[in-house]
Amino acid sequence: MRGVVASIEVVANLALSTDDGWKLLPGTVQMWCVPDTGTWRMPNLQCSVPGTTGDLRFIEQHEFFERYGVATPTFRRDSRYFWVVLYLTE
């Protein structure tokens, strides 16, 4: 069998910096197209606000602190995987 690469995307989650280290936030998966699987395409990108593809709900600062234990949040995108679409041929 042979395969033709249709698309390659980087898969990343949003992570929050806490006193216990970086914590992945659920429901924050983001994907973007890339031309190859070079590992340099998977850095930890610093972000000041979460850019999610799902529903976004704003919460008060005290609720954020109660939930995550930090008053001034620091976010980053953790790019860890590639999603490759192949078309298989004979």
PDB file of N, CA and C in Angstrom:
ATOM      1  N   MET A   1       0.829  -1.189   0.000  1.00  0.00           N
ATOM      2  CA  MET A   1       0.000   0.000   0.000  1.00  0.00           C
ATOM      3  C   MET A   1       0.870   1.248   0.000  1.00  0.00           C
ATOM      4  N   ARG A   2       0.325   2.292  -0.553  1.00  0.00           N
ATOM      5  CA  ARG A   2       0.976   3.592  -0.541  1.00  0.00           C
ATOM      6  C   ARG A   2       0.011   4.604   0.042  1.00  0.00           C
ATOM      7  N   GLY A   3       0.577   5.668   0.539  1.00  0.00           N
ATOM      8  CA  GLY A   3      -0.258   6.719   1.099  1.00  0.00           C
ATOM      9  C   GLY A   3       0.149   8.082   0.588  1.00  0.00           C
ATOM     10  N   VAL A   4      -0.823   8.929   0.422  1.00  0.00           N
ATOM     11  CA  VAL A   4      -0.578  10.313   0.024  1.00  0.00           C
ATOM     12  C   VAL A   4      -0.990  11.201   1.189  1.00  0.00           C
ATOM     13  N   VAL A   5      -0.089  12.064   1.635  1.00  0.00           N
ATOM     14  CA  VAL A   5      -0.396  12.964   2.746  1.00  0.00           C
ATOM     15  C   VAL A   5      -1.366  14.037   2.269  1.00  0.00           C
ATOM     16  N   ALA A   6      -2.522  14.097   2.908  1.00  0.00           N
ATOM     17  CA  ALA A   6      -3.525  15.100   2.560  1.00  0.00           C
ATOM     18  C   ALA A   6      -3.332  16.365   3.371  1.00  0.00           C
ATOM     19  N   SER A   7      -3.045  16.205   4.660  1.00  0.00           N
ATOM     20  CA  SER A   7      -2.843  17.379   5.515  1.00  0.00           C
ATOM     21  C   SER A   7      -2.089  16.979   6.777  1.00  0.00           C
ATOM     22  N   ILE A   8      -1.386  17.951   7.354  1.00  0.00           N
ATOM     23  CA  ILE A   8      -0.682  17.766   8.625  1.00  0.00           C
ATOM     24  C   ILE A   8      -1.055  18.935   9.519  1.00  0.00           C
ATOM     25  N   GLU A   9      -1.470  18.627  10.729  1.00  0.00           N
ATOM     26  CA  GLU A   9      -1.812  19.673  11.679  1.00  0.00           C
ATOM     27  C   GLU A   9      -1.098  19.434  13.006  1.00  0.00           C
ATOM     28  N   VAL A  10      -0.737  20.513  13.672  1.00  0.00           N
ATOM     29  CA  VAL A  10      -0.216  20.436  15.033  1.00  0.00           C
ATOM     30  C   VAL A  10      -1.401  20.443  15.982  1.00  0.00           C
ATOM     31  N   VAL A  11      -1.349  19.591  16.988  1.00  0.00           N
ATOM     32  CA  VAL A  11      -2.409  19.524  17.997  1.00  0.00           C
ATOM     33  C   VAL A  11      -1.853  20.096  19.297  1.00  0.00           C
ATOM     34  N   ALA A  12      -2.552  21.068  19.866  1.00  0.00           N
ATOM     35  CA  ALA A  12      -2.057  21.732  21.073  1.00  0.00           C
ATOM     36  C   ALA A  12      -3.176  21.913  22.082  1.00  0.00           C
ATOM     37  N   ASN A  13      -2.801  21.904  23.345  1.00  0.00           N
ATOM     38  CA  ASN A  13      -3.712  22.210  24.445  1.00  0.00           C
ATOM     39  C   ASN A  13      -3.252  23.480  25.134  1.00  0.00           C
ATOM     40  N   LEU A  14      -4.193  24.162  25.756  1.00  0.00           N
ATOM     41  CA  LEU A  14      -3.857  25.330  26.556  1.00  0.00           C
ATOM     42  C   LEU A  14      -3.519  24.873  27.966  1.00  0.00           C
ATOM     43  N   ALA A  15      -2.423  25.373  28.515  1.00  0.00           N
ATOM     44  CA  ALA A  15      -1.993  25.009  29.864  1.00  0.00           C
ATOM     45  C   ALA A  15      -1.919  26.255  30.729  1.00  0.00           C
ATOM     46  N   LEU A  16      -2.204  26.074  32.008  1.00  0.00           N
ATOM     47  CA  LEU A  16      -2.188  27.144  32.993  1.00  0.00           C
ATOM     48  C   LEU A  16      -1.045  26.913  33.965  1.00  0.00           C
ATOM     49  N   SER A  17      -0.284  27.971  34.259  1.00  0.00           N
ATOM     50  CA  SER A  17       0.805  27.872  35.222  1.00  0.00           C
ATOM     51  C   SER A  17       0.246  28.001  36.631  1.00  0.00           C
ATOM     52  N   THR A  18       0.491  26.991  37.470  1.00  0.00           N
ATOM     53  CA  THR A  18       0.050  27.007  38.860  1.00  0.00           C
ATOM     54  C   THR A  18       1.255  26.743  39.760  1.00  0.00           C
ATOM     55  N   ASP A  19       1.048  26.801  41.055  1.00  0.00           N
ATOM     56  CA  ASP A  19       2.121  26.506  42.005  1.00  0.00           C
ATOM     57  C   ASP A  19       2.605  25.061  41.876  1.00  0.00           C
ATOM     58  N   ASP A  20       1.755  24.189  41.354  1.00  0.00           N
ATOM     59  CA  ASP A  20       2.102  22.780  41.182  1.00  0.00           C
ATOM     60  C   ASP A  20       2.642  22.475  39.791  1.00  0.00           C
ATOM     61  N   GLY A  21       2.928  23.500  39.005  1.00  0.00           N
ATOM     62  CA  GLY A  21       3.420  23.296  37.639  1.00  0.00           C
ATOM     63  C   GLY A  21       2.357  23.633  36.607  1.00  0.00           C
ATOM     64  N   TRP A  22       2.600  23.240  35.356  1.00  0.00           N
ATOM     65  CA  TRP A  22       1.649  23.524  34.274  1.00  0.00           C
ATOM     66  C   TRP A  22       0.515  22.520  34.309  1.00  0.00           C
ATOM     67  N   LYS A  23      -0.707  23.027  34.217  1.00  0.00           N
ATOM     68  CA  LYS A  23      -1.908  22.180  34.249  1.00  0.00           C
ATOM     69  C   LYS A  23      -2.662  22.363  32.939  1.00  0.00           C
ATOM     70  N   LEU A  24      -2.899  21.247  32.210  1.00  0.00           N
ATOM     71  CA  LEU A  24      -3.659  21.317  30.972  1.00  0.00           C
ATOM     72  C   LEU A  24      -5.111  21.644  31.280  1.00  0.00           C
ATOM     73  N   LEU A  25      -5.681  22.576  30.540  1.00  0.00           N
ATOM     74  CA  LEU A  25      -7.073  22.942  30.729  1.00  0.00           C
ATOM     75  C   LEU A  25      -7.941  22.126  29.773  1.00  0.00           C
ATOM     76  N   PRO A  26      -8.979  21.486  30.281  1.00  0.00           N
ATOM     77  CA  PRO A  26      -9.808  20.635  29.421  1.00  0.00           C
ATOM     78  C   PRO A  26     -10.595  21.465  28.410  1.00  0.00           C
ATOM     79  N   GLY A  27     -10.843  20.865  27.259  1.00  0.00           N
ATOM     80  CA  GLY A  27     -11.659  21.508  26.241  1.00  0.00           C
ATOM     81  C   GLY A  27     -10.981  22.646  25.511  1.00  0.00           C
ATOM     82  N   THR A  28      -9.641  22.676  25.497  1.00  0.00           N
ATOM     83  CA  THR A  28      -8.934  23.789  24.865  1.00  0.00           C
ATOM     84  C   THR A  28      -8.057  23.329  23.704  1.00  0.00           C
ATOM     85  N   VAL A  29      -8.399  22.211  23.089  1.00  0.00           N
ATOM     86  CA  VAL A  29      -7.599  21.706  21.977  1.00  0.00           C
ATOM     87  C   VAL A  29      -7.711  22.658  20.794  1.00  0.00           C
ATOM     88  N   GLN A  30      -6.559  22.970  20.204  1.00  0.00           N
ATOM     89  CA  GLN A  30      -6.519  23.807  19.010  1.00  0.00           C
ATOM     90  C   GLN A  30      -5.608  23.133  18.004  1.00  0.00           C
ATOM     91  N   MET A  31      -5.950  23.229  16.725  1.00  0.00           N
ATOM     92  CA  MET A  31      -5.146  22.614  15.680  1.00  0.00           C
ATOM     93  C   MET A  31      -4.895  23.632  14.584  1.00  0.00           C
ATOM     94  N   TRP A  32      -3.678  23.600  13.998  1.00  0.00           N
ATOM     95  CA  TRP A  32      -3.412  24.457  12.859  1.00  0.00           C
ATOM     96  C   TRP A  32      -2.529  23.716  11.865  1.00  0.00           C
ATOM     97  N   CYS A  33      -2.750  24.004  10.589  1.00  0.00           N
ATOM     98  CA  CYS A  33      -2.059  23.309   9.505  1.00  0.00           C
ATOM     99  C   CYS A  33      -0.587  23.701   9.448  1.00  0.00           C
ATOM    100  N   VAL A  34       0.259  22.716   9.176  1.00  0.00           N
ATOM    101  CA  VAL A  34       1.693  22.946   8.986  1.00  0.00           C
ATOM    102  C   VAL A  34       2.147  22.132   7.776  1.00  0.00           C
ATOM    103  N   PRO A  35       3.248  22.532   7.109  1.00  0.00           N
ATOM    104  CA  PRO A  35       3.686  21.812   5.910  1.00  0.00           C
ATOM    105  C   PRO A  35       4.499  20.544   6.171  1.00  0.00           C
ATOM    106  N   ASP A  36       4.969  20.331   7.408  1.00  0.00           N
ATOM    107  CA  ASP A  36       5.763  19.136   7.700  1.00  0.00           C
ATOM    108  C   ASP A  36       5.702  18.847   9.196  1.00  0.00           C
ATOM    109  N   THR A  37       6.404  17.777   9.613  1.00  0.00           N
ATOM    110  CA  THR A  37       6.382  17.359  11.020  1.00  0.00           C
ATOM    111  C   THR A  37       7.670  17.719  11.738  1.00  0.00           C
ATOM    112  N   GLY A  38       8.295  18.825  11.348  1.00  0.00           N
ATOM    113  CA  GLY A  38       9.494  19.273  12.046  1.00  0.00           C
ATOM    114  C   GLY A  38       9.196  19.567  13.505  1.00  0.00           C
ATOM    115  N   THR A  39      10.033  19.029  14.417  1.00  0.00           N
ATOM    116  CA  THR A  39       9.746  19.193  15.845  1.00  0.00           C
ATOM    117  C   THR A  39       9.832  20.651  16.288  1.00  0.00           C
ATOM    118  N   TRP A  40      10.516  21.490  15.520  1.00  0.00           N
ATOM    119  CA  TRP A  40      10.577  22.911  15.887  1.00  0.00           C
ATOM    120  C   TRP A  40       9.216  23.569  15.764  1.00  0.00           C
ATOM    121  N   ARG A  41       8.245  22.891  15.125  1.00  0.00           N
ATOM    122  CA  ARG A  41       6.888  23.429  15.014  1.00  0.00           C
ATOM    123  C   ARG A  41       6.077  23.195  16.281  1.00  0.00           C
ATOM    124  N   MET A  42       6.674  22.570  17.290  1.00  0.00           N
ATOM    125  CA  MET A  42       5.940  22.224  18.488  1.00  0.00           C
ATOM    126  C   MET A  42       6.510  22.897  19.729  1.00  0.00           C
ATOM    127  N   PRO A  43       6.691  24.207  19.727  1.00  0.00           N
ATOM    128  CA  PRO A  43       7.186  24.889  20.929  1.00  0.00           C
ATOM    129  C   PRO A  43       6.049  25.129  21.915  1.00  0.00           C
ATOM    130  N   ASN A  44       6.416  25.524  23.109  1.00  0.00           N
ATOM    131  CA  ASN A  44       5.421  25.997  24.070  1.00  0.00           C
ATOM    132  C   ASN A  44       5.238  27.482  23.811  1.00  0.00           C
ATOM    133  N   LEU A  45       4.134  27.835  23.199  1.00  0.00           N
ATOM    134  CA  LEU A  45       3.883  29.219  22.831  1.00  0.00           C
ATOM    135  C   LEU A  45       3.227  29.951  23.986  1.00  0.00           C
ATOM    136  N   GLN A  46       3.810  31.063  24.397  1.00  0.00           N
ATOM    137  CA  GLN A  46       3.256  31.831  25.507  1.00  0.00           C
ATOM    138  C   GLN A  46       2.040  32.621  25.039  1.00  0.00           C
ATOM    139  N   CYS A  47       1.001  32.603  25.824  1.00  0.00           N
ATOM    140  CA  CYS A  47      -0.229  33.332  25.520  1.00  0.00           C
ATOM    141  C   CYS A  47      -0.658  34.108  26.753  1.00  0.00           C
ATOM    142  N   SER A  48      -1.271  35.244  26.557  1.00  0.00           N
ATOM    143  CA  SER A  48      -1.768  36.015  27.693  1.00  0.00           C
ATOM    144  C   SER A  48      -3.240  35.742  27.959  1.00  0.00           C
ATOM    145  N   VAL A  49      -3.953  35.296  26.945  1.00  0.00           N
ATOM    146  CA  VAL A  49      -5.366  34.947  27.109  1.00  0.00           C
ATOM    147  C   VAL A  49      -5.625  33.644  26.370  1.00  0.00           C
ATOM    148  N   PRO A  50      -6.556  32.835  26.862  1.00  0.00           N
ATOM    149  CA  PRO A  50      -6.826  31.580  26.170  1.00  0.00           C
ATOM    150  C   PRO A  50      -7.602  31.813  24.881  1.00  0.00           C
ATOM    151  N   GLY A  51      -7.169  31.207  23.799  1.00  0.00           N
ATOM    152  CA  GLY A  51      -7.909  31.258  22.547  1.00  0.00           C
ATOM    153  C   GLY A  51      -8.442  29.875  22.249  1.00  0.00           C
ATOM    154  N   THR A  52      -9.642  29.588  22.675  1.00  0.00           N
ATOM    155  CA  THR A  52     -10.185  28.248  22.532  1.00  0.00           C
ATOM    156  C   THR A  52     -11.119  28.189  21.344  1.00  0.00           C
ATOM    157  N   THR A  53     -11.341  26.977  20.871  1.00  0.00           N
ATOM    158  CA  THR A  53     -12.260  26.784  19.767  1.00  0.00           C
ATOM    159  C   THR A  53     -13.645  26.386  20.267  1.00  0.00           C
ATOM    160  N   GLY A  54     -13.778  26.144  21.568  1.00  0.00           N
ATOM    161  CA  GLY A  54     -15.072  25.767  22.128  1.00  0.00           C
ATOM    162  C   GLY A  54     -15.790  26.963  22.719  1.00  0.00           C
ATOM    163  N   ASP A  55     -16.756  26.681  23.569  1.00  0.00           N
ATOM    164  CA  ASP A  55     -17.493  27.750  24.230  1.00  0.00           C
ATOM    165  C   ASP A  55     -16.587  28.488  25.203  1.00  0.00           C
ATOM    166  N   LEU A  56     -16.724  29.790  25.254  1.00  0.00           N
ATOM    167  CA  LEU A  56     -15.917  30.621  26.145  1.00  0.00           C
ATOM    168  C   LEU A  56     -16.845  31.240  27.179  1.00  0.00           C
ATOM    169  N   ARG A  57     -16.539  31.001  28.457  1.00  0.00           N
ATOM    170  CA  ARG A  57     -17.352  31.557  29.536  1.00  0.00           C
ATOM    171  C   ARG A  57     -16.456  32.406  30.410  1.00  0.00           C
ATOM    172  N   PHE A  58     -16.856  33.652  30.618  1.00  0.00           N
ATOM    173  CA  PHE A  58     -16.079  34.547  31.468  1.00  0.00           C
ATOM    174  C   PHE A  58     -16.454  34.312  32.927  1.00  0.00           C
ATOM    175  N   ILE A  59     -15.451  34.272  33.812  1.00  0.00           N
ATOM    176  CA  ILE A  59     -15.698  34.087  35.238  1.00  0.00           C
ATOM    177  C   ILE A  59     -15.020  35.215  36.002  1.00  0.00           C
ATOM    178  N   GLU A  60     -15.513  35.451  37.206  1.00  0.00           N
ATOM    179  CA  GLU A  60     -14.941  36.477  38.063  1.00  0.00           C
ATOM    180  C   GLU A  60     -13.560  36.035  38.555  1.00  0.00           C
ATOM    181  N   GLN A  61     -12.723  37.020  38.919  1.00  0.00           N
ATOM    182  CA  GLN A  61     -11.358  36.705  39.345  1.00  0.00           C
ATOM    183  C   GLN A  61     -11.346  35.800  40.575  1.00  0.00           C
ATOM    184  N   HIS A  62     -12.265  36.027  41.542  1.00  0.00           N
ATOM    185  CA  HIS A  62     -12.279  35.187  42.740  1.00  0.00           C
ATOM    186  C   HIS A  62     -12.633  33.739  42.402  1.00  0.00           C
ATOM    187  N   GLU A  63     -13.507  33.542  41.411  1.00  0.00           N
ATOM    188  CA  GLU A  63     -13.861  32.185  41.014  1.00  0.00           C
ATOM    189  C   GLU A  63     -12.669  31.498  40.336  1.00  0.00           C
ATOM    190  N   PHE A  64     -11.932  32.258  39.519  1.00  0.00           N
ATOM    191  CA  PHE A  64     -10.733  31.720  38.877  1.00  0.00           C
ATOM    192  C   PHE A  64      -9.715  31.307  39.932  1.00  0.00           C
ATOM    193  N   PHE A  65      -9.511  32.173  40.940  1.00  0.00           N
ATOM    194  CA  PHE A  65      -8.558  31.880  42.009  1.00  0.00           C
ATOM    195  C   PHE A  65      -8.975  30.636  42.789  1.00  0.00           C
ATOM    196  N   GLU A  66     -10.291  30.529  43.100  1.00  0.00           N
ATOM    197  CA  GLU A  66     -10.776  29.358  43.834  1.00  0.00           C
ATOM    198  C   GLU A  66     -10.582  28.075  43.029  1.00  0.00           C
ATOM    199  N   ARG A  67     -10.780  28.159  41.722  1.00  0.00           N
ATOM    200  CA  ARG A  67     -10.688  26.977  40.871  1.00  0.00           C
ATOM    201  C   ARG A  67      -9.247  26.553  40.612  1.00  0.00           C
ATOM    202  N   TYR A  68      -8.345  27.533  40.349  1.00  0.00           N
ATOM    203  CA  TYR A  68      -6.996  27.193  39.919  1.00  0.00           C
ATOM    204  C   TYR A  68      -5.896  27.601  40.894  1.00  0.00           C
ATOM    205  N   GLY A  69      -6.204  28.412  41.899  1.00  0.00           N
ATOM    206  CA  GLY A  69      -5.231  28.751  42.920  1.00  0.00           C
ATOM    207  C   GLY A  69      -4.218  29.803  42.525  1.00  0.00           C
ATOM    208  N   VAL A  70      -4.470  30.534  41.455  1.00  0.00           N
ATOM    209  CA  VAL A  70      -3.574  31.610  41.045  1.00  0.00           C
ATOM    210  C   VAL A  70      -4.404  32.857  40.758  1.00  0.00           C
ATOM    211  N   ALA A  71      -3.869  34.020  41.139  1.00  0.00           N
ATOM    212  CA  ALA A  71      -4.594  35.270  40.936  1.00  0.00           C
ATOM    213  C   ALA A  71      -4.259  35.910  39.596  1.00  0.00           C
ATOM    214  N   THR A  72      -3.013  35.777  39.154  1.00  0.00           N
ATOM    215  CA  THR A  72      -2.591  36.340  37.867  1.00  0.00           C
ATOM    216  C   THR A  72      -2.219  35.180  36.949  1.00  0.00           C
ATOM    217  N   PRO A  73      -3.120  34.790  36.063  1.00  0.00           N
ATOM    218  CA  PRO A  73      -2.874  33.591  35.256  1.00  0.00           C
ATOM    219  C   PRO A  73      -1.828  33.802  34.165  1.00  0.00           C
ATOM    220  N   THR A  74      -1.061  32.751  33.907  1.00  0.00           N
ATOM    221  CA  THR A  74      -0.130  32.685  32.794  1.00  0.00           C
ATOM    222  C   THR A  74      -0.469  31.433  31.997  1.00  0.00           C
ATOM    223  N   PHE A  75      -0.694  31.622  30.702  1.00  0.00           N
ATOM    224  CA  PHE A  75      -1.084  30.509  29.840  1.00  0.00           C
ATOM    225  C   PHE A  75      -0.004  30.239  28.806  1.00  0.00           C
ATOM    226  N   ARG A  76      -0.013  29.020  28.293  1.00  0.00           N
ATOM    227  CA  ARG A  76       0.810  28.687  27.145  1.00  0.00           C
ATOM    228  C   ARG A  76       0.104  27.588  26.360  1.00  0.00           C
ATOM    229  N   ARG A  77       0.428  27.514  25.082  1.00  0.00           N
ATOM    230  CA  ARG A  77      -0.041  26.411  24.246  1.00  0.00           C
ATOM    231  C   ARG A  77       1.023  25.329  24.250  1.00  0.00           C
ATOM    232  N   ASP A  78       0.650  24.123  24.639  1.00  0.00           N
ATOM    233  CA  ASP A  78       1.557  22.986  24.589  1.00  0.00           C
ATOM    234  C   ASP A  78       1.274  22.208  23.306  1.00  0.00           C
ATOM    235  N   SER A  79       2.165  22.339  22.326  1.00  0.00           N
ATOM    236  CA  SER A  79       2.029  21.618  21.061  1.00  0.00           C
ATOM    237  C   SER A  79       2.750  20.289  21.204  1.00  0.00           C
ATOM    238  N   ARG A  80       1.990  19.201  21.193  1.00  0.00           N
ATOM    239  CA  ARG A  80       2.601  17.913  21.506  1.00  0.00           C
ATOM    240  C   ARG A  80       2.440  16.857  20.426  1.00  0.00           C
ATOM    241  N   TYR A  81       1.480  17.014  19.533  1.00  0.00           N
ATOM    242  CA  TYR A  81       1.185  15.949  18.590  1.00  0.00           C
ATOM    243  C   TYR A  81       1.000  16.505  17.185  1.00  0.00           C
ATOM    244  N   PHE A  82       1.143  15.610  16.204  1.00  0.00           N
ATOM    245  CA  PHE A  82       0.774  15.916  14.834  1.00  0.00           C
ATOM    246  C   PHE A  82      -0.421  15.042  14.466  1.00  0.00           C
ATOM    247  N   TRP A  83      -1.340  15.620  13.716  1.00  0.00           N
ATOM    248  CA  TRP A  83      -2.471  14.873  13.170  1.00  0.00           C
ATOM    249  C   TRP A  83      -2.266  14.849  11.669  1.00  0.00           C
ATOM    250  N   VAL A  84      -2.018  13.646  11.129  1.00  0.00           N
ATOM    251  CA  VAL A  84      -1.713  13.501   9.705  1.00  0.00           C
ATOM    252  C   VAL A  84      -2.854  12.742   9.042  1.00  0.00           C
ATOM    253  N   VAL A  85      -3.401  13.324   7.973  1.00  0.00           N
ATOM    254  CA  VAL A  85      -4.454  12.670   7.189  1.00  0.00           C
ATOM    255  C   VAL A  85      -3.803  12.049   5.963  1.00  0.00           C
ATOM    256  N   LEU A  86      -3.984  10.741   5.808  1.00  0.00           N
ATOM    257  CA  LEU A  86      -3.422  10.007   4.656  1.00  0.00           C
ATOM    258  C   LEU A  86      -4.540   9.476   3.792  1.00  0.00           C
ATOM    259  N   TYR A  87      -4.317   9.531   2.482  1.00  0.00           N
ATOM    260  CA  TYR A  87      -5.173   8.839   1.535  1.00  0.00           C
ATOM    261  C   TYR A  87      -4.426   7.587   1.105  1.00  0.00           C
ATOM    262  N   LEU A  88      -4.976   6.412   1.417  1.00  0.00           N
ATOM    263  CA  LEU A  88      -4.307   5.159   1.081  1.00  0.00           C
ATOM    264  C   LEU A  88      -4.662   4.716  -0.323  1.00  0.00           C
ATOM    265  N   THR A  89      -3.645   4.232  -1.049  1.00  0.00           N
ATOM    266  CA  THR A  89      -3.843   3.711  -2.399  1.00  0.00           C
ATOM    267  C   THR A  89      -3.196   2.343  -2.477  1.00  0.00           C
ATOM    268  N   GLU A  90      -3.436   1.650  -3.546  1.00  0.00           N
ATOM    269  CA  GLU A  90      -2.825   0.322  -3.726  1.00  0.00           C
ATOM    270  C   GLU A  90      -1.551   0.431  -4.513  1.00  0.00           C
TER     271      GLU A  90
END
